[in-house]
Amino acid sequence: MIWIPGGSFLMGSNEFYREERPAHQETVQGLWIDPYPVTNAEFRKFVGATGYVTTCERPPDPAMYPDADPSLLVPGSSVFRKPRGPVDLRDNRVWWEYVPGADWRHPEGPDSAIHGRDDHPVVHVTYEDASAYAAWAGKELPIESEWEFAARGGLHSATYAWGEAFAPEGRAMANTWQGRFPWENLKLDGYEGTSPVDAFPANGYGLYDMIGNVWEWTASPFTAPPRAENFKKSCCVPSEPGGRIARRVVKGGSHLCAPNYCLRYRPAARQGEAVDIGFRCVVRGSKAGVAQAV
């Protein structure tokens, strides 16, 4: 883990989406944080040691999804399906499909696997799953202010985690979508889907993948600001399947965030979700005390 000294910073942004406003001062205490999102290999160790069964591997509770088609109440998860051509961007159900048998071991569906992707971030992980892993590892999930402070890497007023230019001198700094979402991915960064967690440069604190690749859970509850019904739903995560599930703030954007639809590959970007994505952990406390525990 990497030690991040505490400090004050300007959290949020007044320049982009309404849920990021208003920009305001926040203070964060020093903490240790994972340099990468939790990978498939790390999550496999957790499952092997504990026998844990993730949410996507369990049959959904019908009471949680009163309006769902009963035929869909089987273990599975939502999977991105790239359309063949331009579609209506107002309905993200066009590119998300609930797939029975999709889970962290089978990210594209029951016929897929994670062989060769040990160093990719684990996905199809709910907040409950991420919390269980963190507890097993003797860690916690970061709150939103801790995550954003760490993601900024010391550049507390920059748009991106590395500065103001999205691709300085043409260099891809994160795994995002290039082209016209959701049907045309030019793969200028070299990846169609997820990428190894160290495939792109670290930020000023030595943290990788704080931007792009996969959204990451935080422990902070999401409260919708006024007129939330006017928000543009994120392209990067499917519509919430059950209205009774508490939402948590997720941060960082993903490989599905695109400039023509979803400019959320920034430290200030935030979304409220109850679905399955990736995560990393923190340990709070003094540098000396934590060093003995880690």
Protein backbone atom coordinates (compact mmCIF):
# COMPACT_ATOMS: atom_id res chain seq x y z
CA MET A 1 0.00 0.00 0.00
CA ILE A 2 1.04 3.61 -0.46
CA TRP A 3 0.97 6.26 2.24
CA ILE A 4 -0.93 9.43 1.28
CA PRO A 5 -0.28 12.39 3.61
CA GLY A 6 -3.43 14.20 4.61
CA GLY A 7 -4.33 17.70 3.52
CA SER A 8 -7.03 20.04 2.26
CA PHE A 9 -8.22 20.31 -1.33
CA LEU A 10 -10.99 21.64 -3.52
CA MET A 11 -13.37 18.72 -3.95
CA GLY A 12 -15.84 18.46 -6.83
CA SER A 13 -16.17 20.69 -9.87
CA ASN A 14 -18.39 23.51 -11.08
CA GLU A 15 -17.44 22.90 -14.71
CA PHE A 16 -19.08 19.58 -15.60
CA TYR A 17 -22.04 17.60 -14.22
CA ARG A 18 -24.49 18.88 -11.64
CA GLU A 19 -23.83 16.05 -9.19
CA GLU A 20 -20.23 17.31 -8.85
CA ARG A 21 -21.33 20.76 -7.67
CA PRO A 22 -20.54 22.84 -5.77
CA ALA A 23 -16.77 22.63 -5.58
CA HIS A 24 -15.88 22.93 -1.90
CA GLN A 25 -12.99 22.60 0.50
CA GLU A 26 -12.45 19.22 2.16
CA THR A 27 -9.77 17.94 4.53
CA VAL A 28 -8.50 14.36 4.50
CA GLN A 29 -6.40 12.64 7.13
CA GLY A 30 -3.36 10.64 6.09
CA LEU A 31 -4.04 7.04 5.02
CA TRP A 32 -2.66 4.02 3.23
CA ILE A 33 -4.25 3.08 -0.09
CA ASP A 34 -3.88 0.23 -2.54
CA PRO A 35 -1.76 1.31 -5.53
CA TYR A 36 -4.06 -0.64 -7.89
CA PRO A 37 -7.68 -1.73 -8.04
CA VAL A 38 -8.18 -5.21 -6.62
CA THR A 39 -7.31 -7.67 -9.38
CA ASN A 40 -8.84 -10.96 -10.46
CA ALA A 41 -5.89 -12.79 -8.91
CA GLU A 42 -6.30 -11.05 -5.56
CA PHE A 43 -10.03 -11.61 -5.49
CA ARG A 44 -9.50 -15.29 -6.35
CA LYS A 45 -7.29 -15.64 -3.25
CA PHE A 46 -10.06 -14.15 -1.12
CA VAL A 47 -12.69 -16.51 -2.54
CA GLY A 48 -10.37 -19.49 -2.18
CA ALA A 49 -9.62 -18.66 1.46
CA THR A 50 -13.20 -17.94 2.51
CA GLY A 51 -15.53 -19.72 0.09
CA TYR A 52 -17.28 -16.41 -0.47
CA VAL A 53 -20.07 -16.37 -3.07
CA THR A 54 -20.56 -13.01 -4.75
CA THR A 55 -23.92 -11.33 -5.19
CA CYS A 56 -23.97 -12.06 -8.93
CA GLU A 57 -23.55 -15.77 -8.20
CA ARG A 58 -26.64 -15.90 -5.96
CA PRO A 59 -30.27 -15.95 -7.13
CA PRO A 60 -31.70 -12.41 -6.77
CA ASP A 61 -34.27 -11.81 -4.03
CA PRO A 62 -37.64 -11.20 -5.78
CA ALA A 63 -38.59 -8.72 -3.06
CA MET A 64 -35.72 -6.50 -4.14
CA TYR A 65 -36.90 -6.47 -7.77
CA PRO A 66 -40.71 -6.34 -7.69
CA ASP A 67 -40.99 -5.17 -11.30
CA ALA A 68 -38.47 -7.59 -12.79
CA ASP A 69 -39.29 -10.34 -15.25
CA PRO A 70 -39.27 -13.56 -13.13
CA SER A 71 -37.27 -15.30 -15.87
CA LEU A 72 -34.42 -12.89 -15.18
CA LEU A 73 -34.29 -13.61 -11.46
CA VAL A 74 -31.40 -16.02 -11.85
CA PRO A 75 -27.74 -15.46 -10.96
CA GLY A 76 -26.13 -13.11 -13.43
CA SER A 77 -25.14 -9.54 -14.13
CA SER A 78 -25.40 -6.76 -16.69
CA VAL A 79 -22.93 -6.99 -19.57
CA PHE A 80 -22.00 -4.33 -22.12
CA ARG A 81 -22.97 -5.24 -25.68
CA LYS A 82 -21.61 -2.98 -28.42
CA PRO A 83 -24.32 -2.11 -30.97
CA ARG A 84 -23.57 -2.43 -34.67
CA GLY A 85 -24.26 1.23 -35.38
CA PRO A 86 -25.51 4.53 -33.92
CA VAL A 87 -28.28 4.26 -31.34
CA ASP A 88 -30.42 6.55 -29.18
CA LEU A 89 -28.08 7.76 -26.43
CA ARG A 90 -31.01 8.56 -24.15
CA ASP A 91 -31.57 4.89 -23.27
CA ASN A 92 -28.56 2.96 -22.03
CA ARG A 93 -30.56 -0.26 -22.05
CA VAL A 94 -29.65 -0.38 -25.74
CA TRP A 95 -26.09 -1.36 -24.85
CA TRP A 96 -26.56 -3.15 -21.52
CA GLU A 97 -27.96 -6.68 -21.30
CA TYR A 98 -28.68 -8.76 -18.21
CA VAL A 99 -26.82 -12.02 -18.83
CA PRO A 100 -27.50 -15.10 -16.67
CA GLY A 101 -24.22 -16.64 -15.60
CA ALA A 102 -22.19 -13.43 -15.86
CA ASP A 103 -20.06 -12.87 -12.76
CA TRP A 104 -16.51 -12.02 -11.75
CA ARG A 105 -15.20 -15.32 -13.15
CA HIS A 106 -17.24 -14.96 -16.36
CA PRO A 107 -17.29 -11.22 -17.07
CA GLU A 108 -18.82 -11.42 -20.56
CA GLY A 109 -21.20 -14.29 -19.76
CA PRO A 110 -21.10 -18.00 -18.88
CA ASP A 111 -18.94 -18.91 -21.88
CA SER A 112 -16.26 -16.35 -21.01
CA ALA A 113 -13.39 -16.62 -18.53
CA ILE A 114 -10.65 -14.55 -16.93
CA HIS A 115 -7.74 -16.73 -18.03
CA GLY A 116 -4.86 -14.42 -18.89
CA ARG A 117 -6.48 -11.55 -17.01
CA ASP A 118 -5.09 -12.07 -13.51
CA ASP A 119 -3.74 -8.52 -13.55
CA HIS A 120 -7.01 -6.96 -14.72
CA PRO A 121 -9.36 -5.38 -12.16
CA VAL A 122 -12.05 -7.69 -10.83
CA VAL A 123 -15.52 -6.66 -12.03
CA HIS A 124 -19.13 -7.73 -11.38
CA VAL A 125 -18.46 -6.98 -7.72
CA THR A 126 -21.16 -5.31 -5.64
CA TYR A 127 -20.63 -3.01 -2.69
CA GLU A 128 -21.39 -5.94 -0.39
CA ASP A 129 -18.73 -8.06 -2.12
CA ALA A 130 -16.14 -5.30 -2.00
CA SER A 131 -16.82 -4.73 1.70
CA ALA A 132 -16.42 -8.45 2.42
CA TYR A 133 -13.06 -8.52 0.64
CA ALA A 134 -11.87 -5.42 2.50
CA ALA A 135 -12.83 -6.89 5.87
CA TRP A 136 -11.00 -10.14 5.04
CA ALA A 137 -7.89 -8.16 4.06
CA GLY A 138 -8.01 -6.07 7.25
CA LYS A 139 -8.80 -2.95 5.25
CA GLU A 140 -11.75 -0.69 4.43
CA LEU A 141 -13.28 1.00 1.41
CA PRO A 142 -12.36 4.68 1.05
CA ILE A 143 -14.92 7.40 1.53
CA GLU A 144 -15.46 9.70 -1.43
CA SER A 145 -13.24 12.55 -0.22
CA GLU A 146 -10.34 10.16 0.50
CA TRP A 147 -10.66 8.59 -2.94
CA GLU A 148 -10.79 11.93 -4.77
CA PHE A 149 -7.89 13.40 -2.78
CA ALA A 150 -5.77 10.35 -3.64
CA ALA A 151 -6.85 10.37 -7.31
CA ARG A 152 -5.73 13.96 -7.77
CA GLY A 153 -2.16 12.98 -6.98
CA GLY A 154 -1.34 16.38 -5.53
CA LEU A 155 -2.77 18.32 -8.52
CA HIS A 156 -5.70 19.66 -6.56
CA SER A 157 -7.08 22.02 -9.20
CA ALA A 158 -6.37 20.04 -12.38
CA THR A 159 -9.16 18.61 -14.54
CA TYR A 160 -7.46 15.22 -14.85
CA ALA A 161 -5.29 13.24 -12.46
CA TRP A 162 -2.23 14.17 -14.56
CA GLY A 163 -2.99 17.79 -15.55
CA GLU A 164 -5.17 19.74 -17.98
CA ALA A 165 -4.42 17.96 -21.27
CA PHE A 166 -6.40 14.76 -21.74
CA ALA A 167 -3.69 13.12 -23.86
CA PRO A 168 -0.46 15.12 -23.38
CA GLU A 169 1.64 14.93 -26.56
CA GLY A 170 -0.75 12.29 -27.82
CA ARG A 171 -0.04 9.85 -25.00
CA ALA A 172 -2.99 7.90 -23.56
CA MET A 173 -3.01 8.34 -19.79
CA ALA A 174 -5.97 6.11 -18.95
CA ASN A 175 -8.18 3.39 -20.40
CA THR A 176 -11.22 5.23 -21.81
CA TRP A 177 -13.37 5.05 -24.94
CA GLN A 178 -12.13 6.67 -28.16
CA GLY A 179 -14.64 7.09 -30.95
CA ARG A 180 -18.41 7.38 -31.06
CA PHE A 181 -19.93 5.60 -28.10
CA PRO A 182 -21.39 2.99 -27.87
CA TRP A 183 -20.80 1.48 -31.29
CA GLU A 184 -17.37 2.68 -32.47
CA ASN A 185 -14.28 2.14 -30.34
CA LEU A 186 -11.10 3.19 -32.14
CA LYS A 187 -8.94 1.61 -29.40
CA LEU A 188 -6.33 4.36 -29.67
CA ASP A 189 -5.23 3.47 -26.12
CA GLY A 190 -4.74 -0.15 -27.15
CA TYR A 191 -7.71 -1.69 -25.35
CA GLU A 192 -11.28 -2.64 -26.20
CA GLY A 193 -12.25 -3.70 -22.67
CA THR A 194 -10.46 -3.69 -19.34
CA SER A 195 -6.68 -3.46 -19.19
CA PRO A 196 -3.95 -4.56 -16.75
CA VAL A 197 -4.00 -2.33 -13.71
CA ASP A 198 -0.51 -0.99 -14.43
CA ALA A 199 -0.98 -0.41 -18.17
CA PHE A 200 -1.08 3.39 -17.83
CA PRO A 201 1.07 5.87 -15.90
CA ALA A 202 0.66 6.31 -12.15
CA ASN A 203 -0.43 9.66 -10.75
CA GLY A 204 1.71 11.90 -8.56
CA TYR A 205 1.15 9.67 -5.53
CA GLY A 206 2.16 6.51 -7.38
CA LEU A 207 -1.42 5.24 -7.76
CA TYR A 208 -2.52 3.45 -10.92
CA ASP A 209 -5.91 3.32 -12.63
CA MET A 210 -7.54 5.99 -10.47
CA ILE A 211 -8.98 7.21 -13.76
CA GLY A 212 -10.58 4.94 -16.36
CA ASN A 213 -10.54 1.14 -16.71
CA VAL A 214 -13.29 0.46 -14.12
CA TRP A 215 -15.43 2.55 -11.81
CA GLU A 216 -14.52 2.07 -8.13
CA TRP A 217 -16.72 1.78 -5.06
CA THR A 218 -16.50 4.18 -2.15
CA ALA A 219 -18.16 3.82 1.24
CA SER A 220 -20.05 7.10 0.86
CA PRO A 221 -23.83 6.98 0.35
CA PHE A 222 -25.07 8.80 -2.75
CA THR A 223 -27.71 11.44 -2.27
CA ALA A 224 -29.16 12.83 -5.48
CA PRO A 225 -28.97 16.63 -5.76
CA PRO A 226 -32.06 18.68 -6.71
CA ARG A 227 -33.60 17.98 -10.12
CA ALA A 228 -31.73 14.70 -10.32
CA GLU A 229 -34.24 13.46 -12.87
CA ASN A 230 -32.52 15.73 -15.40
CA PHE A 231 -29.13 14.06 -15.00
CA LYS A 232 -27.61 12.24 -17.93
CA LYS A 233 -27.25 8.63 -16.84
CA SER A 234 -23.70 7.37 -17.01
CA CYS A 235 -22.79 5.27 -20.03
CA CYS A 236 -20.37 3.31 -17.91
CA VAL A 237 -22.83 1.44 -15.70
CA PRO A 238 -26.23 -0.06 -16.44
CA SER A 239 -29.53 1.30 -15.18
CA GLU A 240 -30.13 0.32 -11.57
CA PRO A 241 -32.28 -2.82 -11.63
CA GLY A 242 -33.97 -2.34 -8.26
CA GLY A 243 -35.11 0.94 -6.77
CA ARG A 244 -34.90 -0.40 -3.22
CA ILE A 245 -31.12 -0.88 -3.26
CA ALA A 246 -29.11 1.78 -1.45
CA ARG A 247 -26.72 3.57 -3.77
CA ARG A 248 -23.08 4.36 -3.06
CA VAL A 249 -20.79 6.86 -4.72
CA VAL A 250 -18.53 5.39 -7.38
CA LYS A 251 -15.56 7.25 -8.78
CA GLY A 252 -13.05 7.34 -11.60
CA GLY A 253 -14.97 6.50 -14.77
CA SER A 254 -14.22 3.45 -16.87
CA HIS A 255 -13.10 2.15 -20.25
CA LEU A 256 -16.64 2.89 -21.45
CA CYS A 257 -16.53 6.64 -20.71
CA ALA A 258 -16.53 8.57 -23.97
CA PRO A 259 -16.20 12.28 -24.84
CA ASN A 260 -19.38 12.24 -26.93
CA TYR A 261 -21.46 11.03 -23.99
CA CYS A 262 -19.77 10.55 -20.61
CA LEU A 263 -16.93 12.83 -19.50
CA ARG A 264 -16.48 11.10 -16.18
CA TYR A 265 -12.84 10.04 -16.40
CA ARG A 266 -11.87 12.78 -13.93
CA PRO A 267 -11.14 12.85 -10.16
CA ALA A 268 -14.16 15.08 -9.48
CA ALA A 269 -16.59 12.85 -11.40
CA ARG A 270 -19.03 10.86 -9.31
CA GLN A 271 -22.00 8.59 -9.83
CA GLY A 272 -24.50 6.92 -7.53
CA GLU A 273 -24.79 3.21 -8.21
CA ALA A 274 -25.94 -0.07 -6.73
CA VAL A 275 -24.55 -2.31 -9.46
CA ASP A 276 -21.34 -4.29 -9.76
CA ILE A 277 -17.99 -2.70 -10.59
CA GLY A 278 -14.42 -2.62 -9.21
CA PHE A 279 -12.74 -1.24 -6.09
CA ARG A 280 -9.58 -0.64 -4.06
CA CYS A 281 -9.01 -0.46 -0.30
CA VAL A 282 -7.52 1.83 2.32
CA VAL A 283 -6.16 1.56 5.85
CA ARG A 284 -6.58 4.55 8.11
CA GLY A 285 -4.18 5.45 10.90
CA SER A 286 -0.69 6.75 11.58
CA LYS A 287 2.12 5.83 9.20
CA ALA A 288 4.07 3.97 11.87
CA GLY A 289 1.11 2.02 13.23
CA VAL A 290 -0.17 0.95 9.85
CA ALA A 291 3.27 -0.04 8.60
CA GLN A 292 3.35 -2.76 11.25
CA ALA A 293 -0.10 -4.03 10.31
CA VAL A 294 0.26 -4.13 6.54
